[in-house]
């Protein structure tokens, strides 16, 4: 693990980034106290694929219907 104070980090950012790319953790410190961690970003998962659930989900025809008393309660009206 590399530890660098803020001044060193500003001066040697490219080098510290190479360490992070290599999988090493770089701590950036102020007055000897760690304040930040520089790490490699792992590869993101593939993006979303539209339609992947097509044919796998069934929705009832009345899924958005509510009883009148429940609608009144949400609207703040007395039951």
PDB file of N, CA and C in Angstrom:
ATOM      1  N   UNK A   1       0.839  -1.170   0.000  1.00  0.00           N
ATOM      2  CA  UNK A   1       0.000   0.000   0.000  1.00  0.00           C
ATOM      3  C   UNK A   1       0.885   1.235   0.000  1.00  0.00           C
ATOM      4  N   UNK A   2       0.559   2.162  -0.884  1.00  0.00           N
ATOM      5  CA  UNK A   2       1.292   3.420  -0.965  1.00  0.00           C
ATOM      6  C   UNK A   2       0.587   4.466  -0.102  1.00  0.00           C
ATOM      7  N   UNK A   3       1.356   5.304   0.556  1.00  0.00           N
ATOM      8  CA  UNK A   3       0.810   6.418   1.330  1.00  0.00           C
ATOM      9  C   UNK A   3       1.509   7.674   0.836  1.00  0.00           C
ATOM     10  N   UNK A   4       0.705   8.691   0.522  1.00  0.00           N
ATOM     11  CA  UNK A   4       1.266   9.947   0.031  1.00  0.00           C
ATOM     12  C   UNK A   4       0.558  11.104   0.713  1.00  0.00           C
ATOM     13  N   UNK A   5       1.326  12.142   1.073  1.00  0.00           N
ATOM     14  CA  UNK A   5       0.650  13.323   1.608  1.00  0.00           C
ATOM     15  C   UNK A   5       0.082  14.112   0.434  1.00  0.00           C
ATOM     16  N   UNK A   6      -0.697  15.113   0.730  1.00  0.00           N
ATOM     17  CA  UNK A   6      -1.403  15.851  -0.323  1.00  0.00           C
ATOM     18  C   UNK A   6      -0.440  16.454  -1.331  1.00  0.00           C
ATOM     19  N   UNK A   7       0.636  17.055  -0.852  1.00  0.00           N
ATOM     20  CA  UNK A   7       1.608  17.654  -1.768  1.00  0.00           C
ATOM     21  C   UNK A   7       2.206  16.596  -2.702  1.00  0.00           C
ATOM     22  N   UNK A   8       2.607  15.457  -2.152  1.00  0.00           N
ATOM     23  CA  UNK A   8       3.147  14.369  -2.979  1.00  0.00           C
ATOM     24  C   UNK A   8       2.111  13.875  -3.973  1.00  0.00           C
ATOM     25  N   UNK A   9       0.855  13.794  -3.540  1.00  0.00           N
ATOM     26  CA  UNK A   9      -0.205  13.314  -4.420  1.00  0.00           C
ATOM     27  C   UNK A   9      -0.401  14.259  -5.606  1.00  0.00           C
ATOM     28  N   UNK A  10      -0.364  15.558  -5.336  1.00  0.00           N
ATOM     29  CA  UNK A  10      -0.510  16.528  -6.424  1.00  0.00           C
ATOM     30  C   UNK A  10       0.685  16.457  -7.378  1.00  0.00           C
ATOM     31  N   UNK A  11       1.856  16.300  -6.823  1.00  0.00           N
ATOM     32  CA  UNK A  11       3.073  16.275  -7.628  1.00  0.00           C
ATOM     33  C   UNK A  11       3.202  14.984  -8.434  1.00  0.00           C
ATOM     34  N   UNK A  12       2.790  13.860  -7.855  1.00  0.00           N
ATOM     35  CA  UNK A  12       3.009  12.551  -8.475  1.00  0.00           C
ATOM     36  C   UNK A  12       1.707  11.820  -8.817  1.00  0.00           C
ATOM     37  N   UNK A  13       0.678  12.569  -9.203  1.00  0.00           N
ATOM     38  CA  UNK A  13      -0.616  11.943  -9.452  1.00  0.00           C
ATOM     39  C   UNK A  13      -0.536  10.847 -10.513  1.00  0.00           C
ATOM     40  N   UNK A  14       0.177  11.086 -11.596  1.00  0.00           N
ATOM     41  CA  UNK A  14       0.287  10.077 -12.652  1.00  0.00           C
ATOM     42  C   UNK A  14       0.885   8.772 -12.130  1.00  0.00           C
ATOM     43  N   UNK A  15       1.910   8.877 -11.324  1.00  0.00           N
ATOM     44  CA  UNK A  15       2.548   7.694 -10.751  1.00  0.00           C
ATOM     45  C   UNK A  15       1.588   6.966  -9.804  1.00  0.00           C
ATOM     46  N   UNK A  16       0.887   7.735  -8.975  1.00  0.00           N
ATOM     47  CA  UNK A  16      -0.061   7.121  -8.039  1.00  0.00           C
ATOM     48  C   UNK A  16      -1.203   6.437  -8.790  1.00  0.00           C
ATOM     49  N   UNK A  17      -1.621   7.023  -9.893  1.00  0.00           N
ATOM     50  CA  UNK A  17      -2.662   6.391 -10.710  1.00  0.00           C
ATOM     51  C   UNK A  17      -2.166   5.070 -11.298  1.00  0.00           C
ATOM     52  N   UNK A  18      -0.897   5.007 -11.673  1.00  0.00           N
ATOM     53  CA  UNK A  18      -0.331   3.745 -12.177  1.00  0.00           C
ATOM     54  C   UNK A  18      -0.362   2.672 -11.097  1.00  0.00           C
ATOM     55  N   UNK A  19      -0.038   3.064  -9.870  1.00  0.00           N
ATOM     56  CA  UNK A  19      -0.119   2.105  -8.761  1.00  0.00           C
ATOM     57  C   UNK A  19      -1.548   1.592  -8.606  1.00  0.00           C
ATOM     58  N   UNK A  20      -2.503   2.519  -8.653  1.00  0.00           N
ATOM     59  CA  UNK A  20      -3.909   2.128  -8.502  1.00  0.00           C
ATOM     60  C   UNK A  20      -4.347   1.232  -9.652  1.00  0.00           C
ATOM     61  N   UNK A  21      -3.914   1.540 -10.869  1.00  0.00           N
ATOM     62  CA  UNK A  21      -4.250   0.692 -12.026  1.00  0.00           C
ATOM     63  C   UNK A  21      -3.688  -0.710 -11.858  1.00  0.00           C
ATOM     64  N   UNK A  22      -2.580  -0.808 -11.167  1.00  0.00           N
ATOM     65  CA  UNK A  22      -1.958  -2.102 -10.915  1.00  0.00           C
ATOM     66  C   UNK A  22      -2.617  -2.873  -9.778  1.00  0.00           C
ATOM     67  N   UNK A  23      -3.671  -2.304  -9.215  1.00  0.00           N
ATOM     68  CA  UNK A  23      -4.393  -2.985  -8.151  1.00  0.00           C
ATOM     69  C   UNK A  23      -3.959  -2.612  -6.750  1.00  0.00           C
ATOM     70  N   UNK A  24      -3.020  -1.702  -6.653  1.00  0.00           N
ATOM     71  CA  UNK A  24      -2.540  -1.281  -5.335  1.00  0.00           C
ATOM     72  C   UNK A  24      -3.438  -0.184  -4.777  1.00  0.00           C
ATOM     73  N   UNK A  25      -3.586  -0.146  -3.470  1.00  0.00           N
ATOM     74  CA  UNK A  25      -4.354   0.905  -2.808  1.00  0.00           C
ATOM     75  C   UNK A  25      -3.400   2.040  -2.459  1.00  0.00           C
ATOM     76  N   UNK A  26      -3.799   3.258  -2.772  1.00  0.00           N
ATOM     77  CA  UNK A  26      -2.990   4.431  -2.454  1.00  0.00           C
ATOM     78  C   UNK A  26      -3.774   5.282  -1.456  1.00  0.00           C
ATOM     79  N   UNK A  27      -3.198   5.511  -0.291  1.00  0.00           N
ATOM     80  CA  UNK A  27      -3.821   6.371   0.704  1.00  0.00           C
ATOM     81  C   UNK A  27      -3.248   7.768   0.571  1.00  0.00           C
ATOM     82  N   UNK A  28      -4.125   8.754   0.594  1.00  0.00           N
ATOM     83  CA  UNK A  28      -3.691  10.144   0.568  1.00  0.00           C
ATOM     84  C   UNK A  28      -3.952  10.706   1.961  1.00  0.00           C
ATOM     85  N   UNK A  29      -2.912  11.307   2.536  1.00  0.00           N
ATOM     86  CA  UNK A  29      -2.987  11.748   3.931  1.00  0.00           C
ATOM     87  C   UNK A  29      -2.748  13.242   4.059  1.00  0.00           C
ATOM     88  N   UNK A  30      -3.317  13.784   5.122  1.00  0.00           N
ATOM     89  CA  UNK A  30      -3.047  15.166   5.507  1.00  0.00           C
ATOM     90  C   UNK A  30      -2.473  15.109   6.918  1.00  0.00           C
ATOM     91  N   UNK A  31      -1.271  15.612   7.067  1.00  0.00           N
ATOM     92  CA  UNK A  31      -0.586  15.611   8.363  1.00  0.00           C
ATOM     93  C   UNK A  31      -0.518  14.199   8.948  1.00  0.00           C
ATOM     94  N   UNK A  32      -0.303  13.215   8.086  1.00  0.00           N
ATOM     95  CA  UNK A  32      -0.156  11.838   8.536  1.00  0.00           C
ATOM     96  C   UNK A  32      -1.454  11.088   8.758  1.00  0.00           C
ATOM     97  N   UNK A  33      -2.613  11.766   8.627  1.00  0.00           N
ATOM     98  CA  UNK A  33      -3.910  11.109   8.828  1.00  0.00           C
ATOM     99  C   UNK A  33      -4.533  10.814   7.464  1.00  0.00           C
ATOM    100  N   UNK A  34      -4.833   9.557   7.183  1.00  0.00           N
ATOM    101  CA  UNK A  34      -5.444   9.220   5.895  1.00  0.00           C
ATOM    102  C   UNK A  34      -6.789   9.933   5.713  1.00  0.00           C
ATOM    103  N   UNK A  35      -6.979  10.536   4.526  1.00  0.00           N
ATOM    104  CA  UNK A  35      -8.243  11.221   4.253  1.00  0.00           C
ATOM    105  C   UNK A  35      -8.932  10.709   2.988  1.00  0.00           C
ATOM    106  N   UNK A  36      -8.175  10.003   2.134  1.00  0.00           N
ATOM    107  CA  UNK A  36      -8.770   9.498   0.894  1.00  0.00           C
ATOM    108  C   UNK A  36      -8.059   8.230   0.467  1.00  0.00           C
ATOM    109  N   UNK A  37      -8.766   7.430  -0.315  1.00  0.00           N
ATOM    110  CA  UNK A  37      -8.202   6.182  -0.823  1.00  0.00           C
ATOM    111  C   UNK A  37      -8.340   6.199  -2.343  1.00  0.00           C
ATOM    112  N   UNK A  38      -7.258   5.961  -3.030  1.00  0.00           N
ATOM    113  CA  UNK A  38      -7.247   5.906  -4.488  1.00  0.00           C
ATOM    114  C   UNK A  38      -7.169   4.435  -4.879  1.00  0.00           C
ATOM    115  N   UNK A  39      -8.202   3.954  -5.567  1.00  0.00           N
ATOM    116  CA  UNK A  39      -8.246   2.545  -5.951  1.00  0.00           C
ATOM    117  C   UNK A  39      -8.675   2.423  -7.410  1.00  0.00           C
ATOM    118  N   UNK A  40      -8.365   1.296  -7.997  1.00  0.00           N
ATOM    119  CA  UNK A  40      -8.753   1.029  -9.371  1.00  0.00           C
ATOM    120  C   UNK A  40     -10.259   0.785  -9.428  1.00  0.00           C
ATOM    121  N   UNK A  41     -10.891   1.310 -10.448  1.00  0.00           N
ATOM    122  CA  UNK A  41     -12.312   1.057 -10.651  1.00  0.00           C
ATOM    123  C   UNK A  41     -12.438  -0.274 -11.376  1.00  0.00           C
ATOM    124  N   UNK A  42     -13.263  -1.148 -10.810  1.00  0.00           N
ATOM    125  CA  UNK A  42     -13.462  -2.440 -11.449  1.00  0.00           C
ATOM    126  C   UNK A  42     -14.395  -2.277 -12.638  1.00  0.00           C
ATOM    127  N   UNK A  43     -14.310  -3.192 -13.565  1.00  0.00           N
ATOM    128  CA  UNK A  43     -15.143  -3.127 -14.759  1.00  0.00           C
ATOM    129  C   UNK A  43     -16.611  -3.178 -14.372  1.00  0.00           C
ATOM    130  N   UNK A  44     -17.382  -2.349 -15.012  1.00  0.00           N
ATOM    131  CA  UNK A  44     -18.816  -2.320 -14.738  1.00  0.00           C
ATOM    132  C   UNK A  44     -19.502  -3.486 -15.424  1.00  0.00           C
ATOM    133  N   UNK A  45     -20.625  -3.851 -14.854  1.00  0.00           N
ATOM    134  CA  UNK A  45     -21.413  -4.894 -15.478  1.00  0.00           C
ATOM    135  C   UNK A  45     -21.975  -4.350 -16.783  1.00  0.00           C
ATOM    136  N   UNK A  46     -22.367  -5.256 -17.648  1.00  0.00           N
ATOM    137  CA  UNK A  46     -22.930  -4.818 -18.919  1.00  0.00           C
ATOM    138  C   UNK A  46     -24.188  -3.998 -18.686  1.00  0.00           C
ATOM    139  N   UNK A  47     -24.470  -3.113 -19.596  1.00  0.00           N
ATOM    140  CA  UNK A  47     -25.645  -2.263 -19.492  1.00  0.00           C
ATOM    141  C   UNK A  47     -26.941  -3.070 -19.547  1.00  0.00           C
ATOM    142  N   UNK A  48     -28.010  -2.396 -19.233  1.00  0.00           N
ATOM    143  CA  UNK A  48     -29.309  -3.041 -19.228  1.00  0.00           C
ATOM    144  C   UNK A  48     -29.737  -3.396 -20.648  1.00  0.00           C
ATOM    145  N   UNK A  49     -30.418  -4.489 -20.771  1.00  0.00           N
ATOM    146  CA  UNK A  49     -30.907  -4.933 -22.080  1.00  0.00           C
ATOM    147  C   UNK A  49     -32.437  -4.838 -22.059  1.00  0.00           C
ATOM    148  N   UNK A  50     -33.013  -3.913 -22.830  1.00  0.00           N
ATOM    149  CA  UNK A  50     -34.462  -3.771 -22.844  1.00  0.00           C
ATOM    150  C   UNK A  50     -35.162  -5.061 -23.284  1.00  0.00           C
ATOM    151  N   UNK A  51     -36.279  -5.346 -22.636  1.00  0.00           N
ATOM    152  CA  UNK A  51     -37.100  -6.486 -23.031  1.00  0.00           C
ATOM    153  C   UNK A  51     -36.703  -7.811 -22.429  1.00  0.00           C
ATOM    154  N   UNK A  52     -35.774  -7.822 -21.498  1.00  0.00           N
ATOM    155  CA  UNK A  52     -35.289  -9.088 -20.946  1.00  0.00           C
ATOM    156  C   UNK A  52     -36.374  -9.830 -20.160  1.00  0.00           C
ATOM    157  N   UNK A  53     -37.373  -9.090 -19.619  1.00  0.00           N
ATOM    158  CA  UNK A  53     -38.446  -9.710 -18.848  1.00  0.00           C
ATOM    159  C   UNK A  53     -39.684  -9.998 -19.708  1.00  0.00           C
ATOM    160  N   UNK A  54     -39.623  -9.696 -20.998  1.00  0.00           N
ATOM    161  CA  UNK A  54     -40.783  -9.888 -21.870  1.00  0.00           C
ATOM    162  C   UNK A  54     -41.247 -11.351 -21.820  1.00  0.00           C
ATOM    163  N   UNK A  55     -42.554 -11.512 -21.555  1.00  0.00           N
ATOM    164  CA  UNK A  55     -43.134 -12.846 -21.486  1.00  0.00           C
ATOM    165  C   UNK A  55     -42.945 -13.542 -20.155  1.00  0.00           C
ATOM    166  N   UNK A  56     -42.236 -12.927 -19.215  1.00  0.00           N
ATOM    167  CA  UNK A  56     -41.958 -13.558 -17.928  1.00  0.00           C
ATOM    168  C   UNK A  56     -42.778 -12.946 -16.785  1.00  0.00           C
ATOM    169  N   UNK A  57     -43.403 -11.802 -17.044  1.00  0.00           N
ATOM    170  CA  UNK A  57     -44.157 -11.118 -16.010  1.00  0.00           C
ATOM    171  C   UNK A  57     -45.598 -10.965 -16.468  1.00  0.00           C
ATOM    172  N   UNK A  58     -46.519 -11.266 -15.556  1.00  0.00           N
ATOM    173  CA  UNK A  58     -47.936 -11.096 -15.862  1.00  0.00           C
ATOM    174  C   UNK A  58     -48.503 -10.062 -14.912  1.00  0.00           C
ATOM    175  N   UNK A  59     -49.248  -9.114 -15.460  1.00  0.00           N
ATOM    176  CA  UNK A  59     -49.841  -8.069 -14.643  1.00  0.00           C
ATOM    177  C   UNK A  59     -51.356  -8.181 -14.737  1.00  0.00           C
ATOM    178  N   UNK A  60     -52.006  -8.193 -13.592  1.00  0.00           N
ATOM    179  CA  UNK A  60     -53.461  -8.302 -13.568  1.00  0.00           C
ATOM    180  C   UNK A  60     -54.082  -7.076 -14.236  1.00  0.00           C
ATOM    181  N   UNK A  61     -55.227  -7.262 -14.883  1.00  0.00           N
ATOM    182  CA  UNK A  61     -55.879  -6.153 -15.590  1.00  0.00           C
ATOM    183  C   UNK A  61     -56.326  -5.053 -14.630  1.00  0.00           C
ATOM    184  N   UNK A  62     -56.542  -5.374 -13.368  1.00  0.00           N
ATOM    185  CA  UNK A  62     -57.001  -4.379 -12.402  1.00  0.00           C
ATOM    186  C   UNK A  62     -55.902  -3.953 -11.418  1.00  0.00           C
ATOM    187  N   UNK A  63     -54.649  -4.063 -11.822  1.00  0.00           N
ATOM    188  CA  UNK A  63     -53.543  -3.800 -10.896  1.00  0.00           C
ATOM    189  C   UNK A  63     -53.541  -2.370 -10.359  1.00  0.00           C
ATOM    190  N   UNK A  64     -54.101  -1.425 -11.102  1.00  0.00           N
ATOM    191  CA  UNK A  64     -54.071  -0.038 -10.660  1.00  0.00           C
ATOM    192  C   UNK A  64     -55.406   0.467 -10.115  1.00  0.00           C
ATOM    193  N   UNK A  65     -56.337  -0.415  -9.860  1.00  0.00           N
ATOM    194  CA  UNK A  65     -57.633  -0.031  -9.313  1.00  0.00           C
ATOM    195  C   UNK A  65     -57.590  -0.105  -7.792  1.00  0.00           C
ATOM    196  N   UNK A  66     -58.154   0.920  -7.148  1.00  0.00           N
ATOM    197  CA  UNK A  66     -58.182   0.976  -5.688  1.00  0.00           C
ATOM    198  C   UNK A  66     -59.614   1.172  -5.207  1.00  0.00           C
ATOM    199  N   UNK A  67     -59.932   0.656  -4.039  1.00  0.00           N
ATOM    200  CA  UNK A  67     -61.248   0.906  -3.459  1.00  0.00           C
ATOM    201  C   UNK A  67     -61.410   2.395  -3.141  1.00  0.00           C
ATOM    202  N   UNK A  68     -62.645   2.899  -3.249  1.00  0.00           N
ATOM    203  CA  UNK A  68     -62.921   4.315  -3.014  1.00  0.00           C
ATOM    204  C   UNK A  68     -62.484   4.778  -1.625  1.00  0.00           C
ATOM    205  N   UNK A  69     -62.669   3.946  -0.591  1.00  0.00           N
ATOM    206  CA  UNK A  69     -62.289   4.366   0.762  1.00  0.00           C
ATOM    207  C   UNK A  69     -60.778   4.548   0.886  1.00  0.00           C
ATOM    208  N   UNK A  70     -60.005   3.747   0.175  1.00  0.00           N
ATOM    209  CA  UNK A  70     -58.553   3.895   0.206  1.00  0.00           C
ATOM    210  C   UNK A  70     -58.123   5.159  -0.537  1.00  0.00           C
ATOM    211  N   UNK A  71     -58.759   5.437  -1.663  1.00  0.00           N
ATOM    212  CA  UNK A  71     -58.465   6.668  -2.405  1.00  0.00           C
ATOM    213  C   UNK A  71     -58.787   7.876  -1.534  1.00  0.00           C
ATOM    214  N   UNK A  72     -59.919   7.832  -0.847  1.00  0.00           N
ATOM    215  CA  UNK A  72     -60.306   8.944   0.035  1.00  0.00           C
ATOM    216  C   UNK A  72     -59.289   9.132   1.154  1.00  0.00           C
ATOM    217  N   UNK A  73     -58.794   8.042   1.709  1.00  0.00           N
ATOM    218  CA  UNK A  73     -57.800   8.131   2.779  1.00  0.00           C
ATOM    219  C   UNK A  73     -56.527   8.787   2.292  1.00  0.00           C
ATOM    220  N   UNK A  74     -56.091   8.454   1.088  1.00  0.00           N
ATOM    221  CA  UNK A  74     -54.881   9.081   0.527  1.00  0.00           C
ATOM    222  C   UNK A  74     -55.094  10.559   0.246  1.00  0.00           C
ATOM    223  N   UNK A  75     -56.325  10.923  -0.106  1.00  0.00           N
ATOM    224  CA  UNK A  75     -56.633  12.314  -0.406  1.00  0.00           C
ATOM    225  C   UNK A  75     -56.940  13.118   0.856  1.00  0.00           C
ATOM    226  N   UNK A  76     -56.953  12.452   2.015  1.00  0.00           N
ATOM    227  CA  UNK A  76     -57.176  13.139   3.282  1.00  0.00           C
ATOM    228  C   UNK A  76     -58.637  13.397   3.584  1.00  0.00           C
ATOM    229  N   UNK A  77     -59.515  12.725   2.886  1.00  0.00           N
ATOM    230  CA  UNK A  77     -60.958  12.899   3.118  1.00  0.00           C
ATOM    231  C   UNK A  77     -61.412  11.928   4.190  1.00  0.00           C
ATOM    232  N   UNK A  78     -62.425  12.318   4.930  1.00  0.00           N
ATOM    233  CA  UNK A  78     -62.961  11.455   5.989  1.00  0.00           C
ATOM    234  C   UNK A  78     -63.643  10.233   5.374  1.00  0.00           C
ATOM    235  N   UNK A  79     -63.542   9.107   6.045  1.00  0.00           N
ATOM    236  CA  UNK A  79     -64.131   7.880   5.519  1.00  0.00           C
ATOM    237  C   UNK A  79     -65.610   7.811   5.783  1.00  0.00           C
TER     238      UNK A  79
END
